[in-house]
Amino acid sequence: MRGSVLVVNAGSTSLKLAAVAEDEESAAVPSLDSAPPVGAVGHRVVHGGERLWEPTLIDDAAVEELERLVPLAPLHNAPAIAAIAAARRALPGVPHVAVFDTAFHRTLPEVARTYLLPARYRERGIRRFGFHGLSVQWAAERMAVPRLVVCHLGGGSSVTAVLHGRSVDTTMGFTPLEGVPGATRPGPVDPGSLLYLLREGTTAADLDHALEHESGLTGLAGTGDVAALERDPSPQAALALDVYAYRVAQAVAAMAAALGGLDGIAFTGGIGEHSSRLRATICGRLAFLGVDLDDEANEQAAGEAACSSGGSAVLVQVVPAREDVVIARGVRKLLAAG
């Protein structure tokens, strides 16, 4: 195909649009109504389930399949479907393609994707899928080291082990709720505590809302805004940041075990890219793996930048997320194949 790809990235509370040219330069687009002429539209879809892995041409049958998957990621897939409908109305004359966040994790080995649950549950598709795959794929391309851990730290956070460019383990699971904490998600929680709350009268709806919207950094300190927490002198703000960094560092160490060692760490996502304090705290806990930051380089890191010291056994790098480019590439690959 020729021309730009309009990338539609629908989040739970936002809609981001970007026109990605053939040279992979991108420009923000304020609205669907003001979109420039494009050759195709690419849609980020968080959860593709068991059947949707490759970039998929969107037609009515594909939309029906996506609607079936909404219960797996309601905060993400439902807005994506709404954005698909709006974009198909606004731009009816070009192909629309769904590209999936779960796709990069298709390579998870059985030992990493399997939950130790009864067969009757596993047969219903309960397994680890993994998310943030578009972001992780970009970071893995930018840091071509054999054993890489990608820390996508933002409103939602995850840590992924990438071996020779392939995902081999990741912290998010059947849904984006599992794994390290986020702005409003709790990270590791004993399932027994959740069963206790249900037995003691908490409704499933209340629990769902608390886990998705009231936990994580917000649950401890009242906000998920890391910049605000870093300015806040209160003990609760400090504790929230410390717990967050502690859990991320634990996850990096676990991913290093999955990789059999560690050659590089990529920090991406809004927090990973912009919080030098959290990068330093996380890496400080990983000194036993040979991780050593250059304090000045870490403080001054802007855009794509290495921030490990010359003596560090592990390359540490900030990699700005470019999900838009990965989505546009997926669209072009599908359409070029006919």
Protein backbone atom coordinates (compact mmCIF):
# COMPACT_ATOMS: atom_id res chain seq x y z
CA MET A 1 0.00 0.00 0.00
CA ARG A 2 0.99 3.61 -0.49
CA GLY A 3 0.42 6.59 1.76
CA SER A 4 0.22 7.04 5.50
CA VAL A 5 -1.45 4.74 8.01
CA LEU A 6 -3.79 6.35 10.52
CA VAL A 7 -3.11 4.64 13.85
CA VAL A 8 -6.02 4.58 16.30
CA ASN A 9 -5.06 3.85 19.90
CA ALA A 10 -8.15 3.78 22.12
CA GLY A 11 -7.50 3.63 25.86
CA SER A 12 -9.95 3.36 28.71
CA THR A 13 -10.11 7.16 29.03
CA SER A 14 -8.44 8.54 25.90
CA LEU A 15 -8.21 8.27 22.12
CA LYS A 16 -4.84 8.89 20.46
CA LEU A 17 -4.55 9.28 16.70
CA ALA A 18 -1.37 9.47 14.64
CA ALA A 19 -0.63 9.45 10.93
CA VAL A 20 2.46 7.30 10.29
CA ALA A 21 4.14 8.00 6.94
CA GLU A 22 6.01 5.47 4.83
CA ASP A 23 9.31 6.70 6.34
CA GLU A 24 7.78 5.99 9.79
CA GLU A 25 7.64 9.64 10.79
CA SER A 26 4.41 10.25 12.66
CA ALA A 27 2.22 13.26 13.27
CA ALA A 28 -0.54 13.60 15.84
CA VAL A 29 -4.05 13.88 14.46
CA PRO A 30 -6.55 15.81 16.61
CA SER A 31 -9.70 13.92 15.58
CA LEU A 32 -11.11 11.44 13.09
CA ASP A 33 -12.93 14.29 11.36
CA SER A 34 -9.62 16.05 10.72
CA ALA A 35 -7.68 12.97 9.60
CA PRO A 36 -5.53 13.52 6.48
CA PRO A 37 -5.88 11.26 3.43
CA VAL A 38 -4.50 7.84 4.37
CA GLY A 39 -4.08 4.47 2.70
CA ALA A 40 -5.30 2.43 5.67
CA VAL A 41 -6.26 2.59 9.34
CA GLY A 42 -4.55 0.50 12.02
CA HIS A 43 -6.28 -0.15 15.35
CA ARG A 44 -4.54 -1.17 18.56
CA VAL A 45 -6.55 -3.94 20.23
CA VAL A 46 -5.29 -5.08 23.62
CA HIS A 47 -6.63 -8.65 23.79
CA GLY A 48 -6.82 -11.00 20.83
CA GLY A 49 -7.68 -14.12 22.82
CA GLU A 50 -6.69 -17.57 21.58
CA ARG A 51 -7.51 -17.00 17.92
CA LEU A 52 -6.45 -13.48 16.93
CA TRP A 53 -2.70 -13.05 16.83
CA GLU A 54 -1.75 -11.73 13.42
CA PRO A 55 -2.85 -8.32 12.05
CA THR A 56 -6.46 -8.88 11.00
CA LEU A 57 -8.55 -7.15 8.36
CA ILE A 58 -11.60 -5.73 10.10
CA ASP A 59 -14.98 -6.70 8.71
CA ASP A 60 -18.28 -7.42 10.43
CA ALA A 61 -17.19 -10.96 11.33
CA ALA A 62 -13.97 -9.67 12.90
CA VAL A 63 -15.94 -7.13 14.93
CA GLU A 64 -18.18 -9.94 16.23
CA GLU A 65 -15.09 -11.86 17.35
CA LEU A 66 -13.70 -8.76 19.09
CA GLU A 67 -17.00 -8.24 20.88
CA ARG A 68 -16.79 -11.81 22.15
CA LEU A 69 -13.43 -10.96 23.73
CA VAL A 70 -14.62 -7.88 25.64
CA PRO A 71 -15.02 -9.75 28.97
CA LEU A 72 -11.28 -10.58 28.88
CA ALA A 73 -10.26 -6.90 28.85
CA PRO A 74 -13.39 -4.75 29.21
CA LEU A 75 -11.53 -1.51 29.97
CA HIS A 76 -9.54 -1.80 26.76
CA ASN A 77 -11.34 -3.90 24.16
CA ALA A 78 -14.69 -2.13 24.56
CA PRO A 79 -13.22 1.34 23.78
CA ALA A 80 -11.27 -0.19 20.89
CA ILE A 81 -14.48 -1.57 19.37
CA ALA A 82 -16.17 1.81 19.76
CA ALA A 83 -13.20 3.50 18.09
CA ILE A 84 -13.28 0.95 15.25
CA ALA A 85 -16.95 1.72 14.63
CA ALA A 86 -16.33 5.46 14.62
CA ALA A 87 -13.29 5.18 12.35
CA ARG A 88 -15.10 2.92 9.87
CA ARG A 89 -17.87 5.50 9.65
CA ALA A 90 -15.42 8.39 9.22
CA LEU A 91 -13.10 6.59 6.79
CA PRO A 92 -15.18 4.01 4.92
CA GLY A 93 -13.08 3.89 1.75
CA VAL A 94 -9.86 2.41 3.16
CA PRO A 95 -9.02 -0.93 4.82
CA HIS A 96 -9.09 -1.10 8.61
CA VAL A 97 -6.74 -3.53 10.38
CA ALA A 98 -6.62 -4.71 14.00
CA VAL A 99 -3.16 -5.21 15.52
CA PHE A 100 -2.98 -6.98 18.89
CA ASP A 101 -1.00 -6.25 22.04
CA THR A 102 -1.06 -9.95 22.90
CA ALA A 103 0.55 -10.99 19.60
CA PHE A 104 4.20 -10.49 20.61
CA HIS A 105 3.67 -12.92 23.49
CA ARG A 106 2.52 -15.73 21.23
CA THR A 107 6.01 -17.20 21.66
CA LEU A 108 5.59 -17.75 25.40
CA PRO A 109 6.67 -21.33 26.13
CA GLU A 110 4.20 -23.68 27.77
CA VAL A 111 6.02 -23.50 31.09
CA ALA A 112 5.51 -19.71 31.18
CA ARG A 113 1.94 -19.50 29.92
CA THR A 114 0.41 -22.34 31.96
CA TYR A 115 -1.41 -21.78 35.25
CA LEU A 116 -1.49 -24.66 37.74
CA LEU A 117 -5.29 -24.88 37.70
CA PRO A 118 -7.69 -27.80 37.23
CA ALA A 119 -8.14 -28.89 33.63
CA ARG A 120 -11.78 -27.75 33.64
CA TYR A 121 -10.55 -24.15 34.02
CA ARG A 122 -7.59 -24.39 31.69
CA GLU A 123 -9.89 -25.84 29.04
CA ARG A 124 -11.89 -22.62 29.21
CA GLY A 125 -8.83 -20.69 28.03
CA ILE A 126 -7.40 -19.59 31.36
CA ARG A 127 -3.70 -19.05 30.61
CA ARG A 128 -1.13 -16.29 30.50
CA PHE A 129 -1.48 -14.08 27.43
CA GLY A 130 0.69 -11.04 28.24
CA PHE A 131 0.14 -7.46 27.14
CA HIS A 132 2.05 -4.31 26.12
CA GLY A 133 3.42 -6.44 23.30
CA LEU A 134 3.55 -3.62 20.76
CA SER A 135 5.68 -1.52 23.09
CA VAL A 136 7.88 -4.47 24.06
CA GLN A 137 8.44 -5.37 20.41
CA TRP A 138 9.67 -1.86 19.64
CA ALA A 139 12.02 -1.82 22.64
CA ALA A 140 13.40 -5.23 21.66
CA GLU A 141 14.14 -3.95 18.17
CA ARG A 142 15.94 -0.89 19.55
CA MET A 143 18.06 -2.93 22.01
CA ALA A 144 19.41 -5.92 20.13
CA VAL A 145 20.94 -7.78 23.08
CA PRO A 146 20.40 -11.53 23.56
CA ARG A 147 18.82 -11.42 27.04
CA LEU A 148 16.67 -8.33 27.48
CA VAL A 149 14.13 -7.32 30.12
CA VAL A 150 11.66 -4.67 29.02
CA CYS A 151 10.02 -2.59 31.77
CA HIS A 152 6.94 -0.93 30.32
CA LEU A 153 6.04 1.37 33.19
CA GLY A 154 3.02 3.63 32.86
CA GLY A 155 -0.59 3.77 33.92
CA GLY A 156 -0.43 0.01 33.49
CA SER A 157 2.96 -1.62 34.03
CA SER A 158 4.52 -4.89 32.98
CA VAL A 159 7.94 -6.54 32.81
CA THR A 160 8.85 -8.92 29.96
CA ALA A 161 11.73 -11.30 29.29
CA VAL A 162 12.88 -11.21 25.65
CA LEU A 163 15.33 -13.86 24.47
CA HIS A 164 16.87 -13.22 21.05
CA GLY A 165 13.90 -11.03 20.13
CA ARG A 166 11.16 -13.41 21.35
CA SER A 167 8.96 -13.07 24.42
CA VAL A 168 9.62 -15.95 26.83
CA ASP A 169 7.91 -14.67 29.98
CA THR A 170 5.95 -11.64 31.14
CA THR A 171 4.21 -10.44 34.27
CA MET A 172 0.72 -9.69 32.92
CA GLY A 173 -1.41 -12.78 32.57
CA PHE A 174 -4.92 -13.79 31.51
CA THR A 175 -5.86 -10.12 31.94
CA PRO A 176 -3.81 -6.94 32.42
CA LEU A 177 -4.53 -7.09 36.17
CA GLU A 178 -1.77 -9.58 36.98
CA GLY A 179 1.82 -8.54 37.49
CA VAL A 180 3.54 -5.47 38.89
CA PRO A 181 1.54 -2.53 40.30
CA GLY A 182 0.32 0.31 38.16
CA ALA A 183 -1.27 3.69 38.70
CA THR A 184 -4.55 2.08 39.81
CA ARG A 185 -3.88 -1.69 39.74
CA PRO A 186 -2.48 -3.50 42.79
CA GLY A 187 0.05 -5.94 41.39
CA PRO A 188 0.57 -9.15 43.39
CA VAL A 189 -2.35 -9.92 45.71
CA ASP A 190 -3.14 -13.21 47.47
CA PRO A 191 -6.20 -14.65 45.63
CA GLY A 192 -7.37 -15.88 49.02
CA SER A 193 -7.76 -12.29 50.21
CA LEU A 194 -10.06 -11.56 47.28
CA LEU A 195 -12.12 -14.67 48.00
CA TYR A 196 -12.34 -13.55 51.62
CA LEU A 197 -13.70 -10.15 50.57
CA LEU A 198 -16.30 -11.81 48.34
CA ARG A 199 -17.38 -14.16 51.11
CA GLU A 200 -17.64 -11.24 53.53
CA GLY A 201 -20.06 -9.31 51.34
CA THR A 202 -18.01 -7.34 48.83
CA THR A 203 -19.74 -7.60 45.46
CA ALA A 204 -17.89 -8.71 42.33
CA ALA A 205 -18.62 -5.30 40.78
CA ASP A 206 -17.16 -3.44 43.78
CA LEU A 207 -14.08 -5.65 43.81
CA ASP A 208 -13.59 -5.24 40.07
CA HIS A 209 -13.77 -1.45 40.39
CA ALA A 210 -11.36 -1.42 43.33
CA LEU A 211 -8.79 -3.58 41.54
CA GLU A 212 -8.97 -1.63 38.29
CA HIS A 213 -9.42 1.96 39.54
CA GLU A 214 -8.62 2.35 43.24
CA SER A 215 -5.48 0.29 43.87
CA GLY A 216 -1.79 0.57 42.97
CA LEU A 217 -0.14 3.94 43.57
CA THR A 218 -3.59 5.49 43.91
CA GLY A 219 -4.57 3.03 46.62
CA LEU A 220 -1.53 3.85 48.74
CA ALA A 221 -1.05 7.55 48.10
CA GLY A 222 -4.23 8.89 46.52
CA THR A 223 -2.86 9.43 43.01
CA GLY A 224 -1.17 7.49 40.24
CA ASP A 225 0.72 10.58 39.04
CA VAL A 226 4.36 9.69 39.69
CA ALA A 227 5.60 13.25 39.14
CA ALA A 228 3.19 14.46 41.82
CA LEU A 229 4.25 11.68 44.19
CA GLU A 230 7.91 12.55 43.69
CA ARG A 231 7.14 16.13 44.79
CA ASP A 232 5.05 14.96 47.76
CA PRO A 233 7.07 14.80 51.03
CA SER A 234 4.52 12.60 52.82
CA PRO A 235 5.44 9.12 54.09
CA GLN A 236 2.60 7.59 52.09
CA ALA A 237 3.94 9.01 48.81
CA ALA A 238 7.41 7.68 49.60
CA LEU A 239 5.99 4.28 50.52
CA ALA A 240 3.95 4.07 47.32
CA LEU A 241 7.02 4.77 45.18
CA ASP A 242 9.17 2.37 47.19
CA VAL A 243 6.66 -0.48 46.94
CA TYR A 244 6.29 0.14 43.20
CA ALA A 245 10.07 0.09 42.61
CA TYR A 246 10.46 -2.97 44.88
CA ARG A 247 7.89 -4.97 42.92
CA VAL A 248 9.35 -3.95 39.55
CA ALA A 249 12.87 -4.90 40.67
CA GLN A 250 11.58 -8.27 41.88
CA ALA A 251 9.98 -8.82 38.48
CA VAL A 252 13.18 -7.93 36.62
CA ALA A 253 15.11 -10.45 38.72
CA ALA A 254 12.48 -13.10 37.99
CA MET A 255 12.72 -12.38 34.27
CA ALA A 256 16.52 -12.65 34.45
CA ALA A 257 15.99 -16.14 35.86
CA ALA A 258 13.72 -16.97 32.91
CA LEU A 259 16.43 -15.73 30.54
CA GLY A 260 19.33 -17.47 32.27
CA GLY A 261 21.08 -14.14 32.74
CA LEU A 262 20.74 -10.50 31.82
CA ASP A 263 22.35 -8.37 29.12
CA GLY A 264 20.04 -5.36 28.99
CA ILE A 265 17.13 -3.53 30.61
CA ALA A 266 14.85 -1.23 28.62
CA PHE A 267 12.72 1.37 30.39
CA THR A 268 9.74 2.52 28.38
CA GLY A 269 6.23 3.91 28.95
CA GLY A 270 5.42 7.23 30.60
CA ILE A 271 7.00 6.37 33.97
CA GLY A 272 9.89 4.36 32.57
CA GLU A 273 10.85 7.15 30.20
CA HIS A 274 10.45 10.12 32.53
CA SER A 275 11.17 9.08 36.13
CA SER A 276 14.93 9.03 36.69
CA ARG A 277 14.23 8.51 40.41
CA LEU A 278 12.34 5.26 39.89
CA ARG A 279 14.88 4.01 37.35
CA ALA A 280 17.63 4.63 39.90
CA THR A 281 15.71 2.95 42.73
CA ILE A 282 14.86 -0.10 40.61
CA CYS A 283 18.39 -0.48 39.27
CA GLY A 284 19.86 0.03 42.74
CA ARG A 285 18.04 -3.11 43.86
CA LEU A 286 19.52 -4.99 40.89
CA ALA A 287 23.18 -4.28 41.60
CA PHE A 288 23.67 -7.97 42.44
CA LEU A 289 22.97 -8.73 38.76
CA GLY A 290 25.73 -6.36 37.65
CA VAL A 291 23.45 -3.38 36.99
CA ASP A 292 25.15 -0.01 37.56
CA LEU A 293 23.68 3.32 36.51
CA ASP A 294 25.57 6.44 35.50
CA ASP A 295 23.80 8.92 37.77
CA GLU A 296 24.36 11.91 35.49
CA ALA A 297 23.31 10.04 32.35
CA ASN A 298 20.21 8.77 34.12
CA GLU A 299 19.21 12.24 35.31
CA GLN A 300 19.75 13.78 31.87
CA ALA A 301 18.23 10.98 29.80
CA ALA A 302 15.88 12.42 27.20
CA GLY A 303 14.50 10.44 24.30
CA GLU A 304 16.37 7.24 23.51
CA ALA A 305 19.42 7.19 25.75
CA ALA A 306 21.75 4.77 27.52
CA CYS A 307 22.04 5.44 31.24
CA SER A 308 24.22 2.58 32.51
CA SER A 309 27.80 3.22 33.57
CA GLY A 310 30.79 2.12 31.54
CA GLY A 311 31.47 -0.60 34.08
CA SER A 312 27.93 -1.99 34.17
CA ALA A 313 27.60 -5.62 33.14
CA VAL A 314 24.07 -4.81 31.95
CA LEU A 315 23.15 -2.19 29.37
CA VAL A 316 20.35 0.05 30.71
CA GLN A 317 18.55 2.21 28.20
CA VAL A 318 15.53 4.48 27.98
CA VAL A 319 13.46 3.64 24.89
CA PRO A 320 10.51 5.91 24.08
CA ALA A 321 7.49 3.81 23.14
CA ARG A 322 6.55 3.81 19.46
CA GLU A 323 3.51 1.56 19.32
CA ASP A 324 2.26 3.62 16.39
CA VAL A 325 5.17 2.49 14.21
CA VAL A 326 4.73 -1.19 15.13
CA ILE A 327 1.00 -0.98 14.34
CA ALA A 328 1.65 0.73 11.01
CA ARG A 329 4.20 -1.95 10.08
CA GLY A 330 1.67 -4.66 10.88
CA VAL A 331 -0.91 -2.98 8.66
CA ARG A 332 1.51 -2.62 5.75
CA LYS A 333 2.67 -6.24 6.08
CA LEU A 334 -0.87 -7.58 5.98
CA LEU A 335 -1.93 -5.47 3.01
CA ALA A 336 1.28 -6.18 1.08
CA ALA A 337 0.54 -9.90 1.43
CA GLY A 338 -2.71 -9.35 -0.40
